[in-house]
Amino acid sequence: MDNEDVKITIILKKGSPKLLANATISIETVYFGFVTIKGFQIWNSRVFNERLQEAINIEPPTIMSYGRPYNFVYFEKDQKWFDLETRIYDAFVKERNINMSGNLSDTEFEETNKEIE
């Protein structure tokens, strides 16, 4: 999958102690054009993520049902999820670095909505 096939929009969250950002991805398909999936979440984590090399957790969209979260986006191959997770993380880091260059503290992101391609 080329970079042109996937568009990622990162929305940094200001004032949330654990939720760092939301992400929206658009994947280009041959038949349908771009298919957009909203609701990916980027959280602070107590557990170090070996793949991303940071204490961050990226979750696909979920819905709360009977007090339990259920994923409604499923990846048949784990490696494809890991690839997308890495792309979301890279877009998040890029957006976070842009905001931090404005001398904002690590937990004081300016809430933004920018598309990273």
PDB file of N, CA and C in Angstrom:
ATOM      1  N   MET A   1       0.851  -1.172   0.000  1.00  0.00           N
ATOM      2  CA  MET A   1       0.000   0.000   0.000  1.00  0.00           C
ATOM      3  C   MET A   1       0.900   1.239   0.000  1.00  0.00           C
ATOM      4  N   ASP A   2       0.724   2.101  -0.982  1.00  0.00           N
ATOM      5  CA  ASP A   2       1.510   3.319  -1.087  1.00  0.00           C
ATOM      6  C   ASP A   2       0.952   4.392  -0.165  1.00  0.00           C
ATOM      7  N   ASN A   3       1.772   5.420   0.077  1.00  0.00           N
ATOM      8  CA  ASN A   3       1.317   6.540   0.900  1.00  0.00           C
ATOM      9  C   ASN A   3       0.143   7.268   0.271  1.00  0.00           C
ATOM     10  N   GLU A   4       0.066   7.261  -1.070  1.00  0.00           N
ATOM     11  CA  GLU A   4      -1.042   7.928  -1.741  1.00  0.00           C
ATOM     12  C   GLU A   4      -2.358   7.178  -1.534  1.00  0.00           C
ATOM     13  N   ASP A   5      -2.283   5.908  -1.186  1.00  0.00           N
ATOM     14  CA  ASP A   5      -3.474   5.084  -0.995  1.00  0.00           C
ATOM     15  C   ASP A   5      -4.129   5.288   0.371  1.00  0.00           C
ATOM     16  N   VAL A   6      -3.396   5.904   1.309  1.00  0.00           N
ATOM     17  CA  VAL A   6      -3.889   6.084   2.671  1.00  0.00           C
ATOM     18  C   VAL A   6      -3.718   7.544   3.076  1.00  0.00           C
ATOM     19  N   LYS A   7      -4.804   8.157   3.532  1.00  0.00           N
ATOM     20  CA  LYS A   7      -4.749   9.512   4.081  1.00  0.00           C
ATOM     21  C   LYS A   7      -5.113   9.419   5.551  1.00  0.00           C
ATOM     22  N   ILE A   8      -4.340  10.076   6.395  1.00  0.00           N
ATOM     23  CA  ILE A   8      -4.564  10.025   7.837  1.00  0.00           C
ATOM     24  C   ILE A   8      -4.743  11.443   8.357  1.00  0.00           C
ATOM     25  N   THR A   9      -5.828  11.661   9.080  1.00  0.00           N
ATOM     26  CA  THR A   9      -6.091  12.946   9.719  1.00  0.00           C
ATOM     27  C   THR A   9      -5.973  12.747  11.224  1.00  0.00           C
ATOM     28  N   ILE A  10      -5.146  13.566  11.867  1.00  0.00           N
ATOM     29  CA  ILE A  10      -4.937  13.494  13.310  1.00  0.00           C
ATOM     30  C   ILE A  10      -5.598  14.700  13.966  1.00  0.00           C
ATOM     31  N   ILE A  11      -6.366  14.456  15.013  1.00  0.00           N
ATOM     32  CA  ILE A  11      -7.008  15.516  15.787  1.00  0.00           C
ATOM     33  C   ILE A  11      -6.464  15.410  17.210  1.00  0.00           C
ATOM     34  N   LEU A  12      -5.508  16.282  17.542  1.00  0.00           N
ATOM     35  CA  LEU A  12      -4.922  16.274  18.876  1.00  0.00           C
ATOM     36  C   LEU A  12      -5.956  16.750  19.885  1.00  0.00           C
ATOM     37  N   LYS A  13      -5.963  16.112  21.060  1.00  0.00           N
ATOM     38  CA  LYS A  13      -6.937  16.441  22.099  1.00  0.00           C
ATOM     39  C   LYS A  13      -6.267  17.264  23.189  1.00  0.00           C
ATOM     40  N   LYS A  14      -6.828  18.410  23.458  1.00  0.00           N
ATOM     41  CA  LYS A  14      -6.307  19.303  24.483  1.00  0.00           C
ATOM     42  C   LYS A  14      -7.088  19.091  25.769  1.00  0.00           C
ATOM     43  N   GLY A  15      -6.376  18.965  26.866  1.00  0.00           N
ATOM     44  CA  GLY A  15      -7.035  18.880  28.153  1.00  0.00           C
ATOM     45  C   GLY A  15      -7.427  17.486  28.594  1.00  0.00           C
ATOM     46  N   SER A  16      -7.189  16.487  27.778  1.00  0.00           N
ATOM     47  CA  SER A  16      -7.518  15.118  28.170  1.00  0.00           C
ATOM     48  C   SER A  16      -6.253  14.457  28.709  1.00  0.00           C
ATOM     49  N   PRO A  17      -6.284  13.943  29.950  1.00  0.00           N
ATOM     50  CA  PRO A  17      -5.063  13.374  30.522  1.00  0.00           C
ATOM     51  C   PRO A  17      -4.601  12.079  29.847  1.00  0.00           C
ATOM     52  N   LYS A  18      -5.520  11.290  29.327  1.00  0.00           N
ATOM     53  CA  LYS A  18      -5.126  10.010  28.733  1.00  0.00           C
ATOM     54  C   LYS A  18      -5.317   9.959  27.225  1.00  0.00           C
ATOM     55  N   LEU A  19      -6.400  10.505  26.710  1.00  0.00           N
ATOM     56  CA  LEU A  19      -6.639  10.498  25.272  1.00  0.00           C
ATOM     57  C   LEU A  19      -5.783  11.579  24.633  1.00  0.00           C
ATOM     58  N   LEU A  20      -4.831  11.163  23.805  1.00  0.00           N
ATOM     59  CA  LEU A  20      -3.918  12.107  23.164  1.00  0.00           C
ATOM     60  C   LEU A  20      -4.481  12.655  21.864  1.00  0.00           C
ATOM     61  N   ALA A  21      -5.146  11.780  21.091  1.00  0.00           N
ATOM     62  CA  ALA A  21      -5.632  12.213  19.779  1.00  0.00           C
ATOM     63  C   ALA A  21      -6.640  11.215  19.241  1.00  0.00           C
ATOM     64  N   ASN A  22      -7.413  11.674  18.276  1.00  0.00           N
ATOM     65  CA  ASN A  22      -8.264  10.812  17.456  1.00  0.00           C
ATOM     66  C   ASN A  22      -7.682  10.816  16.055  1.00  0.00           C
ATOM     67  N   ALA A  23      -7.920   9.745  15.333  1.00  0.00           N
ATOM     68  CA  ALA A  23      -7.421   9.651  13.961  1.00  0.00           C
ATOM     69  C   ALA A  23      -8.543   9.174  13.048  1.00  0.00           C
ATOM     70  N   THR A  24      -8.533   9.702  11.847  1.00  0.00           N
ATOM     71  CA  THR A  24      -9.437   9.278  10.784  1.00  0.00           C
ATOM     72  C   THR A  24      -8.572   8.817   9.633  1.00  0.00           C
ATOM     73  N   ILE A  25      -8.885   7.642   9.084  1.00  0.00           N
ATOM     74  CA  ILE A  25      -8.104   7.161   7.947  1.00  0.00           C
ATOM     75  C   ILE A  25      -9.011   7.026   6.733  1.00  0.00           C
ATOM     76  N   SER A  26      -8.444   7.300   5.589  1.00  0.00           N
ATOM     77  CA  SER A  26      -9.132   7.107   4.315  1.00  0.00           C
ATOM     78  C   SER A  26      -8.253   6.194   3.474  1.00  0.00           C
ATOM     79  N   ILE A  27      -8.821   5.074   3.041  1.00  0.00           N
ATOM     80  CA  ILE A  27      -8.087   4.089   2.244  1.00  0.00           C
ATOM     81  C   ILE A  27      -8.699   4.069   0.856  1.00  0.00           C
ATOM     82  N   GLU A  28      -7.848   4.232  -0.159  1.00  0.00           N
ATOM     83  CA  GLU A  28      -8.336   4.244  -1.535  1.00  0.00           C
ATOM     84  C   GLU A  28      -8.577   2.821  -2.015  1.00  0.00           C
ATOM     85  N   THR A  29      -9.754   2.602  -2.594  1.00  0.00           N
ATOM     86  CA  THR A  29     -10.097   1.310  -3.173  1.00  0.00           C
ATOM     87  C   THR A  29     -10.306   1.502  -4.670  1.00  0.00           C
ATOM     88  N   VAL A  30     -10.215   0.419  -5.402  1.00  0.00           N
ATOM     89  CA  VAL A  30     -10.386   0.494  -6.849  1.00  0.00           C
ATOM     90  C   VAL A  30     -11.837   0.791  -7.197  1.00  0.00           C
ATOM     91  N   TYR A  31     -12.751   0.109  -6.571  1.00  0.00           N
ATOM     92  CA  TYR A  31     -14.160   0.201  -6.940  1.00  0.00           C
ATOM     93  C   TYR A  31     -14.880   1.381  -6.290  1.00  0.00           C
ATOM     94  N   PHE A  32     -14.636   1.609  -4.994  1.00  0.00           N
ATOM     95  CA  PHE A  32     -15.393   2.604  -4.240  1.00  0.00           C
ATOM     96  C   PHE A  32     -14.691   3.950  -4.098  1.00  0.00           C
ATOM     97  N   GLY A  33     -13.471   4.081  -4.548  1.00  0.00           N
ATOM     98  CA  GLY A  33     -12.706   5.303  -4.297  1.00  0.00           C
ATOM     99  C   GLY A  33     -12.202   5.277  -2.863  1.00  0.00           C
ATOM    100  N   PHE A  34     -12.163   6.428  -2.204  1.00  0.00           N
ATOM    101  CA  PHE A  34     -11.693   6.463  -0.821  1.00  0.00           C
ATOM    102  C   PHE A  34     -12.796   6.027   0.130  1.00  0.00           C
ATOM    103  N   VAL A  35     -12.453   5.113   1.038  1.00  0.00           N
ATOM    104  CA  VAL A  35     -13.335   4.674   2.115  1.00  0.00           C
ATOM    105  C   VAL A  35     -12.743   5.237   3.403  1.00  0.00           C
ATOM    106  N   THR A  36     -13.539   5.982   4.162  1.00  0.00           N
ATOM    107  CA  THR A  36     -13.051   6.657   5.362  1.00  0.00           C
ATOM    108  C   THR A  36     -13.585   5.964   6.605  1.00  0.00           C
ATOM    109  N   ILE A  37     -12.681   5.745   7.561  1.00  0.00           N
ATOM    110  CA  ILE A  37     -13.039   5.139   8.843  1.00  0.00           C
ATOM    111  C   ILE A  37     -12.638   6.123   9.931  1.00  0.00           C
ATOM    112  N   LYS A  38     -13.612   6.539  10.732  1.00  0.00           N
ATOM    113  CA  LYS A  38     -13.367   7.492  11.810  1.00  0.00           C
ATOM    114  C   LYS A  38     -13.342   6.766  13.145  1.00  0.00           C
ATOM    115  N   GLY A  39     -12.698   7.374  14.123  1.00  0.00           N
ATOM    116  CA  GLY A  39     -12.797   6.868  15.487  1.00  0.00           C
ATOM    117  C   GLY A  39     -11.594   6.120  16.017  1.00  0.00           C
ATOM    118  N   PHE A  40     -10.467   6.104  15.307  1.00  0.00           N
ATOM    119  CA  PHE A  40      -9.252   5.519  15.875  1.00  0.00           C
ATOM    120  C   PHE A  40      -8.805   6.423  17.018  1.00  0.00           C
ATOM    121  N   GLN A  41      -8.332   5.830  18.116  1.00  0.00           N
ATOM    122  CA  GLN A  41      -7.944   6.612  19.286  1.00  0.00           C
ATOM    123  C   GLN A  41      -6.499   6.324  19.657  1.00  0.00           C
ATOM    124  N   ILE A  42      -5.801   7.377  20.084  1.00  0.00           N
ATOM    125  CA  ILE A  42      -4.411   7.269  20.517  1.00  0.00           C
ATOM    126  C   ILE A  42      -4.390   7.646  21.993  1.00  0.00           C
ATOM    127  N   TRP A  43      -3.987   6.687  22.828  1.00  0.00           N
ATOM    128  CA  TRP A  43      -4.023   6.838  24.278  1.00  0.00           C
ATOM    129  C   TRP A  43      -2.624   6.761  24.876  1.00  0.00           C
ATOM    130  N   ASN A  44      -2.427   7.458  26.020  1.00  0.00           N
ATOM    131  CA  ASN A  44      -1.264   7.188  26.852  1.00  0.00           C
ATOM    132  C   ASN A  44      -1.444   5.797  27.431  1.00  0.00           C
ATOM    133  N   SER A  45      -0.347   5.097  27.638  1.00  0.00           N
ATOM    134  CA  SER A  45      -0.439   3.743  28.175  1.00  0.00           C
ATOM    135  C   SER A  45       0.582   3.555  29.284  1.00  0.00           C
ATOM    136  N   ARG A  46       0.272   2.694  30.225  1.00  0.00           N
ATOM    137  CA  ARG A  46       1.247   2.323  31.252  1.00  0.00           C
ATOM    138  C   ARG A  46       2.212   1.282  30.723  1.00  0.00           C
ATOM    139  N   VAL A  47       1.828   0.625  29.633  1.00  0.00           N
ATOM    140  CA  VAL A  47       2.630  -0.454  29.050  1.00  0.00           C
ATOM    141  C   VAL A  47       3.402   0.092  27.851  1.00  0.00           C
ATOM    142  N   PHE A  48       4.686  -0.215  27.794  1.00  0.00           N
ATOM    143  CA  PHE A  48       5.537   0.219  26.686  1.00  0.00           C
ATOM    144  C   PHE A  48       5.190  -0.582  25.437  1.00  0.00           C
ATOM    145  N   ASN A  49       4.881   0.103  24.347  1.00  0.00           N
ATOM    146  CA  ASN A  49       4.537  -0.546  23.077  1.00  0.00           C
ATOM    147  C   ASN A  49       5.828  -0.831  22.317  1.00  0.00           C
ATOM    148  N   GLU A  50       6.192  -2.095  22.218  1.00  0.00           N
ATOM    149  CA  GLU A  50       7.449  -2.492  21.570  1.00  0.00           C
ATOM    150  C   GLU A  50       7.485  -2.089  20.100  1.00  0.00           C
ATOM    151  N   ARG A  51       6.362  -2.199  19.407  1.00  0.00           N
ATOM    152  CA  ARG A  51       6.349  -1.869  17.976  1.00  0.00           C
ATOM    153  C   ARG A  51       6.575  -0.384  17.744  1.00  0.00           C
ATOM    154  N   LEU A  52       5.970   0.453  18.583  1.00  0.00           N
ATOM    155  CA  LEU A  52       6.044   1.900  18.392  1.00  0.00           C
ATOM    156  C   LEU A  52       7.162   2.546  19.198  1.00  0.00           C
ATOM    157  N   GLN A  53       7.731   1.797  20.120  1.00  0.00           N
ATOM    158  CA  GLN A  53       8.822   2.267  20.974  1.00  0.00           C
ATOM    159  C   GLN A  53       8.426   3.479  21.823  1.00  0.00           C
ATOM    160  N   GLU A  54       7.201   3.441  22.319  1.00  0.00           N
ATOM    161  CA  GLU A  54       6.698   4.497  23.201  1.00  0.00           C
ATOM    162  C   GLU A  54       5.522   3.917  23.985  1.00  0.00           C
ATOM    163  N   ALA A  55       5.231   4.508  25.137  1.00  0.00           N
ATOM    164  CA  ALA A  55       4.110   4.044  25.962  1.00  0.00           C
ATOM    165  C   ALA A  55       2.810   4.648  25.431  1.00  0.00           C
ATOM    166  N   ILE A  56       2.405   4.159  24.259  1.00  0.00           N
ATOM    167  CA  ILE A  56       1.207   4.652  23.574  1.00  0.00           C
ATOM    168  C   ILE A  56       0.417   3.455  23.071  1.00  0.00           C
ATOM    169  N   ASN A  57      -0.895   3.578  23.096  1.00  0.00           N
ATOM    170  CA  ASN A  57      -1.764   2.533  22.571  1.00  0.00           C
ATOM    171  C   ASN A  57      -2.669   3.150  21.506  1.00  0.00           C
ATOM    172  N   ILE A  58      -2.723   2.531  20.329  1.00  0.00           N
ATOM    173  CA  ILE A  58      -3.610   2.978  19.259  1.00  0.00           C
ATOM    174  C   ILE A  58      -4.696   1.927  19.103  1.00  0.00           C
ATOM    175  N   GLU A  59      -5.946   2.360  19.219  1.00  0.00           N
ATOM    176  CA  GLU A  59      -7.075   1.434  19.162  1.00  0.00           C
ATOM    177  C   GLU A  59      -7.946   1.723  17.951  1.00  0.00           C
ATOM    178  N   PRO A  60      -8.412   0.655  17.291  1.00  0.00           N
ATOM    179  CA  PRO A  60      -9.383   0.861  16.214  1.00  0.00           C
ATOM    180  C   PRO A  60     -10.718   1.318  16.800  1.00  0.00           C
ATOM    181  N   PRO A  61     -11.620   1.802  15.978  1.00  0.00           N
ATOM    182  CA  PRO A  61     -12.920   2.267  16.484  1.00  0.00           C
ATOM    183  C   PRO A  61     -13.653   1.173  17.262  1.00  0.00           C
ATOM    184  N   THR A  62     -14.287   1.587  18.353  1.00  0.00           N
ATOM    185  CA  THR A  62     -15.046   0.651  19.186  1.00  0.00           C
ATOM    186  C   THR A  62     -16.419   1.241  19.480  1.00  0.00           C
ATOM    187  N   ILE A  63     -17.300   0.379  19.923  1.00  0.00           N
ATOM    188  CA  ILE A  63     -18.627   0.797  20.374  1.00  0.00           C
ATOM    189  C   ILE A  63     -18.849   0.143  21.736  1.00  0.00           C
ATOM    190  N   MET A  64     -19.427   0.905  22.660  1.00  0.00           N
ATOM    191  CA  MET A  64     -19.711   0.361  23.990  1.00  0.00           C
ATOM    192  C   MET A  64     -21.065  -0.333  23.954  1.00  0.00           C
ATOM    193  N   SER A  65     -21.058  -1.597  24.315  1.00  0.00           N
ATOM    194  CA  SER A  65     -22.290  -2.365  24.367  1.00  0.00           C
ATOM    195  C   SER A  65     -22.283  -3.182  25.649  1.00  0.00           C
ATOM    196  N   TYR A  66     -23.293  -3.001  26.452  1.00  0.00           N
ATOM    197  CA  TYR A  66     -23.408  -3.712  27.731  1.00  0.00           C
ATOM    198  C   TYR A  66     -22.184  -3.478  28.606  1.00  0.00           C
ATOM    199  N   GLY A  67     -21.655  -2.248  28.572  1.00  0.00           N
ATOM    200  CA  GLY A  67     -20.529  -1.893  29.421  1.00  0.00           C
ATOM    201  C   GLY A  67     -19.181  -2.394  28.948  1.00  0.00           C
ATOM    202  N   ARG A  68     -19.127  -2.949  27.759  1.00  0.00           N
ATOM    203  CA  ARG A  68     -17.874  -3.487  27.217  1.00  0.00           C
ATOM    204  C   ARG A  68     -17.603  -2.892  25.849  1.00  0.00           C
ATOM    205  N   PRO A  69     -16.326  -2.544  25.579  1.00  0.00           N
ATOM    206  CA  PRO A  69     -16.016  -2.040  24.236  1.00  0.00           C
ATOM    207  C   PRO A  69     -15.866  -3.190  23.237  1.00  0.00           C
ATOM    208  N   TYR A  70     -16.437  -3.015  22.062  1.00  0.00           N
ATOM    209  CA  TYR A  70     -16.306  -3.997  20.987  1.00  0.00           C
ATOM    210  C   TYR A  70     -15.752  -3.303  19.748  1.00  0.00           C
ATOM    211  N   ASN A  71     -14.720  -3.898  19.168  1.00  0.00           N
ATOM    212  CA  ASN A  71     -14.171  -3.368  17.920  1.00  0.00           C
ATOM    213  C   ASN A  71     -15.132  -3.672  16.788  1.00  0.00           C
ATOM    214  N   PHE A  72     -15.396  -2.687  15.947  1.00  0.00           N
ATOM    215  CA  PHE A  72     -16.231  -2.954  14.774  1.00  0.00           C
ATOM    216  C   PHE A  72     -15.437  -2.811  13.479  1.00  0.00           C
ATOM    217  N   VAL A  73     -14.131  -2.588  13.606  1.00  0.00           N
ATOM    218  CA  VAL A  73     -13.228  -2.639  12.455  1.00  0.00           C
ATOM    219  C   VAL A  73     -12.251  -3.766  12.749  1.00  0.00           C
ATOM    220  N   TYR A  74     -12.185  -4.724  11.857  1.00  0.00           N
ATOM    221  CA  TYR A  74     -11.367  -5.913  12.075  1.00  0.00           C
ATOM    222  C   TYR A  74     -10.400  -6.089  10.909  1.00  0.00           C
ATOM    223  N   PHE A  75      -9.160  -6.415  11.224  1.00  0.00           N
ATOM    224  CA  PHE A  75      -8.139  -6.679  10.210  1.00  0.00           C
ATOM    225  C   PHE A  75      -7.883  -8.179  10.164  1.00  0.00           C
ATOM    226  N   GLU A  76      -8.064  -8.771   9.012  1.00  0.00           N
ATOM    227  CA  GLU A  76      -7.881 -10.215   8.843  1.00  0.00           C
ATOM    228  C   GLU A  76      -6.441 -10.634   9.123  1.00  0.00           C
ATOM    229  N   LYS A  77      -5.494  -9.795   8.724  1.00  0.00           N
ATOM    230  CA  LYS A  77      -4.076 -10.108   8.921  1.00  0.00           C
ATOM    231  C   LYS A  77      -3.488  -9.123   9.923  1.00  0.00           C
ATOM    232  N   ASP A  78      -2.914  -9.668  11.006  1.00  0.00           N
ATOM    233  CA  ASP A  78      -2.332  -8.818  12.046  1.00  0.00           C
ATOM    234  C   ASP A  78      -1.292  -7.862  11.481  1.00  0.00           C
ATOM    235  N   GLN A  79      -0.482  -8.333  10.546  1.00  0.00           N
ATOM    236  CA  GLN A  79       0.587  -7.506   9.998  1.00  0.00           C
ATOM    237  C   GLN A  79       0.039  -6.258   9.308  1.00  0.00           C
ATOM    238  N   LYS A  80      -1.129  -6.354   8.685  1.00  0.00           N
ATOM    239  CA  LYS A  80      -1.743  -5.186   8.044  1.00  0.00           C
ATOM    240  C   LYS A  80      -2.170  -4.163   9.096  1.00  0.00           C
ATOM    241  N   TRP A  81      -2.682  -4.645  10.241  1.00  0.00           N
ATOM    242  CA  TRP A  81      -3.016  -3.729  11.324  1.00  0.00           C
ATOM    243  C   TRP A  81      -1.753  -3.058  11.847  1.00  0.00           C
ATOM    244  N   PHE A  82      -0.676  -3.827  12.021  1.00  0.00           N
ATOM    245  CA  PHE A  82       0.568  -3.253  12.523  1.00  0.00           C
ATOM    246  C   PHE A  82       1.099  -2.187  11.571  1.00  0.00           C
ATOM    247  N   ASP A  83       0.949  -2.409  10.267  1.00  0.00           N
ATOM    248  CA  ASP A  83       1.377  -1.434   9.263  1.00  0.00           C
ATOM    249  C   ASP A  83       0.557  -0.148   9.394  1.00  0.00           C
ATOM    250  N   LEU A  84      -0.752  -0.276   9.504  1.00  0.00           N
ATOM    251  CA  LEU A  84      -1.609   0.900   9.651  1.00  0.00           C
ATOM    252  C   LEU A  84      -1.353   1.595  10.987  1.00  0.00           C
ATOM    253  N   GLU A  85      -1.171   0.821  12.044  1.00  0.00           N
ATOM    254  CA  GLU A  85      -0.876   1.382  13.363  1.00  0.00           C
ATOM    255  C   GLU A  85       0.391   2.230  13.303  1.00  0.00           C
ATOM    256  N   THR A  86       1.409   1.748  12.610  1.00  0.00           N
ATOM    257  CA  THR A  86       2.661   2.486  12.461  1.00  0.00           C
ATOM    258  C   THR A  86       2.442   3.781  11.690  1.00  0.00           C
ATOM    259  N   ARG A  87       1.636   3.726  10.650  1.00  0.00           N
ATOM    260  CA  ARG A  87       1.348   4.942   9.872  1.00  0.00           C
ATOM    261  C   ARG A  87       0.579   5.964  10.707  1.00  0.00           C
ATOM    262  N   ILE A  88      -0.376   5.498  11.501  1.00  0.00           N
ATOM    263  CA  ILE A  88      -1.121   6.404  12.379  1.00  0.00           C
ATOM    264  C   ILE A  88      -0.172   7.022  13.395  1.00  0.00           C
ATOM    265  N   TYR A  89       0.699   6.207  13.961  1.00  0.00           N
ATOM    266  CA  TYR A  89       1.664   6.700  14.945  1.00  0.00           C
ATOM    267  C   TYR A  89       2.595   7.741  14.327  1.00  0.00           C
ATOM    268  N   ASP A  90       3.111   7.474  13.133  1.00  0.00           N
ATOM    269  CA  ASP A  90       4.004   8.428  12.461  1.00  0.00           C
ATOM    270  C   ASP A  90       3.299   9.762  12.211  1.00  0.00           C
ATOM    271  N   ALA A  91       2.033   9.710  11.784  1.00  0.00           N
ATOM    272  CA  ALA A  91       1.262  10.938  11.561  1.00  0.00           C
ATOM    273  C   ALA A  91       1.035  11.673  12.882  1.00  0.00           C
ATOM    274  N   PHE A  92       0.776  10.918  13.956  1.00  0.00           N
ATOM    275  CA  PHE A  92       0.586  11.515  15.276  1.00  0.00           C
ATOM    276  C   PHE A  92       1.860  12.211  15.745  1.00  0.00           C
ATOM    277  N   VAL A  93       2.998  11.541  15.609  1.00  0.00           N
ATOM    278  CA  VAL A  93       4.274  12.123  16.037  1.00  0.00           C
ATOM    279  C   VAL A  93       4.563  13.397  15.249  1.00  0.00           C
ATOM    280  N   LYS A  94       4.309  13.367  13.958  1.00  0.00           N
ATOM    281  CA  LYS A  94       4.532  14.549  13.118  1.00  0.00           C
ATOM    282  C   LYS A  94       3.662  15.711  13.595  1.00  0.00           C
ATOM    283  N   GLU A  95       2.396  15.450  13.851  1.00  0.00           N
ATOM    284  CA  GLU A  95       1.479  16.495  14.318  1.00  0.00           C
ATOM    285  C   GLU A  95       1.855  16.971  15.714  1.00  0.00           C
ATOM    286  N   ARG A  96       2.243  16.049  16.586  1.00  0.00           N
ATOM    287  CA  ARG A  96       2.654  16.413  17.948  1.00  0.00           C
ATOM    288  C   ARG A  96       3.895  17.296  17.911  1.00  0.00           C
ATOM    289  N   ASN A  97       4.855  16.965  17.048  1.00  0.00           N
ATOM    290  CA  ASN A  97       6.078  17.757  16.942  1.00  0.00           C
ATOM    291  C   ASN A  97       5.794  19.157  16.412  1.00  0.00           C
ATOM    292  N   ILE A  98       4.859  19.268  15.478  1.00  0.00           N
ATOM    293  CA  ILE A  98       4.477  20.591  14.970  1.00  0.00           C
ATOM    294  C   ILE A  98       3.900  21.433  16.106  1.00  0.00           C
ATOM    295  N   ASN A  99       3.063  20.827  16.938  1.00  0.00           N
ATOM    296  CA  ASN A  99       2.460  21.552  18.058  1.00  0.00           C
ATOM    297  C   ASN A  99       3.466  21.863  19.148  1.00  0.00           C
ATOM    298  N   MET A 100       4.413  20.970  19.379  1.00  0.00           N
ATOM    299  CA  MET A 100       5.407  21.195  20.424  1.00  0.00           C
ATOM    300  C   MET A 100       6.404  22.267  20.017  1.00  0.00           C
ATOM    301  N   SER A 101       6.584  22.491  18.721  1.00  0.00           N
ATOM    302  CA  SER A 101       7.503  23.538  18.281  1.00  0.00           C
ATOM    303  C   SER A 101       6.978  24.917  18.656  1.00  0.00           C
ATOM    304  N   GLY A 102       5.697  25.010  18.942  1.00  0.00           N
ATOM    305  CA  GLY A 102       5.097  26.259  19.404  1.00  0.00           C
ATOM    306  C   GLY A 102       5.247  26.448  20.900  1.00  0.00           C
ATOM    307  N   ASN A 103       6.179  25.710  21.528  1.00  0.00           N
ATOM    308  CA  ASN A 103       6.489  25.789  22.957  1.00  0.00           C
ATOM    309  C   ASN A 103       5.330  25.379  23.848  1.00  0.00           C
ATOM    310  N   LEU A 104       4.519  24.457  23.385  1.00  0.00           N
ATOM    311  CA  LEU A 104       3.469  23.908  24.237  1.00  0.00           C
ATOM    312  C   LEU A 104       4.062  22.748  25.018  1.00  0.00           C
ATOM    313  N   SER A 105       3.593  22.541  26.235  1.00  0.00           N
ATOM    314  CA  SER A 105       4.103  21.418  27.009  1.00  0.00           C
ATOM    315  C   SER A 105       3.595  20.112  26.415  1.00  0.00           C
ATOM    316  N   ASP A 106       4.158  19.002  26.875  1.00  0.00           N
ATOM    317  CA  ASP A 106       3.835  17.687  26.322  1.00  0.00           C
ATOM    318  C   ASP A 106       2.368  17.323  26.514  1.00  0.00           C
ATOM    319  N   THR A 107       1.730  17.850  27.549  1.00  0.00           N
ATOM    320  CA  THR A 107       0.331  17.501  27.796  1.00  0.00           C
ATOM    321  C   THR A 107      -0.615  18.617  27.376  1.00  0.00           C
ATOM    322  N   GLU A 108      -0.092  19.687  26.816  1.00  0.00           N
ATOM    323  CA  GLU A 108      -0.910  20.837  26.454  1.00  0.00           C
ATOM    324  C   GLU A 108      -0.947  21.017  24.947  1.00  0.00           C
ATOM    325  N   PHE A 109      -1.474  20.043  24.244  1.00  0.00           N
ATOM    326  CA  PHE A 109      -1.569  20.136  22.792  1.00  0.00           C
ATOM    327  C   PHE A 109      -2.617  21.167  22.416  1.00  0.00           C
ATOM    328  N   GLU A 110      -2.332  21.900  21.371  1.00  0.00           N
ATOM    329  CA  GLU A 110      -3.349  22.769  20.796  1.00  0.00           C
ATOM    330  C   GLU A 110      -4.246  21.868  19.968  1.00  0.00           C
ATOM    331  N   GLU A 111      -5.545  21.928  20.194  1.00  0.00           N
ATOM    332  CA  GLU A 111      -6.450  21.032  19.469  1.00  0.00           C
ATOM    333  C   GLU A 111      -6.466  21.417  17.996  1.00  0.00           C
ATOM    334  N   THR A 112      -6.072  20.454  17.153  1.00  0.00           N
ATOM    335  CA  THR A 112      -5.984  20.724  15.720  1.00  0.00           C
ATOM    336  C   THR A 112      -6.645  19.607  14.951  1.00  0.00           C
ATOM    337  N   ASN A 113      -6.873  19.877  13.695  1.00  0.00           N
ATOM    338  CA  ASN A 113      -7.438  18.881  12.796  1.00  0.00           C
ATOM    339  C   ASN A 113      -6.748  19.067  11.460  1.00  0.00           C
ATOM    340  N   LYS A 114      -5.670  18.311  11.235  1.00  0.00           N
ATOM    341  CA  LYS A 114      -4.901  18.435  10.004  1.00  0.00           C
ATOM    342  C   LYS A 114      -4.779  17.077   9.353  1.00  0.00           C
ATOM    343  N   GLU A 115      -4.802  17.088   8.041  1.00  0.00           N
ATOM    344  CA  GLU A 115      -4.661  15.850   7.288  1.00  0.00           C
ATOM    345  C   GLU A 115      -3.198  15.654   6.938  1.00  0.00           C
ATOM    346  N   ILE A 116      -2.662  14.483   7.239  1.00  0.00           N
ATOM    347  CA  ILE A 116      -1.285  14.128   6.933  1.00  0.00           C
ATOM    348  C   ILE A 116      -1.324  13.111   5.811  1.00  0.00           C
ATOM    349  N   GLU A 117      -0.599  13.372   4.760  1.00  0.00           N
ATOM    350  CA  GLU A 117      -0.570  12.418   3.649  1.00  0.00           C
ATOM    351  C   GLU A 117       0.813  11.866   3.503  1.00  0.00           C
TER     352      GLU A 117
END
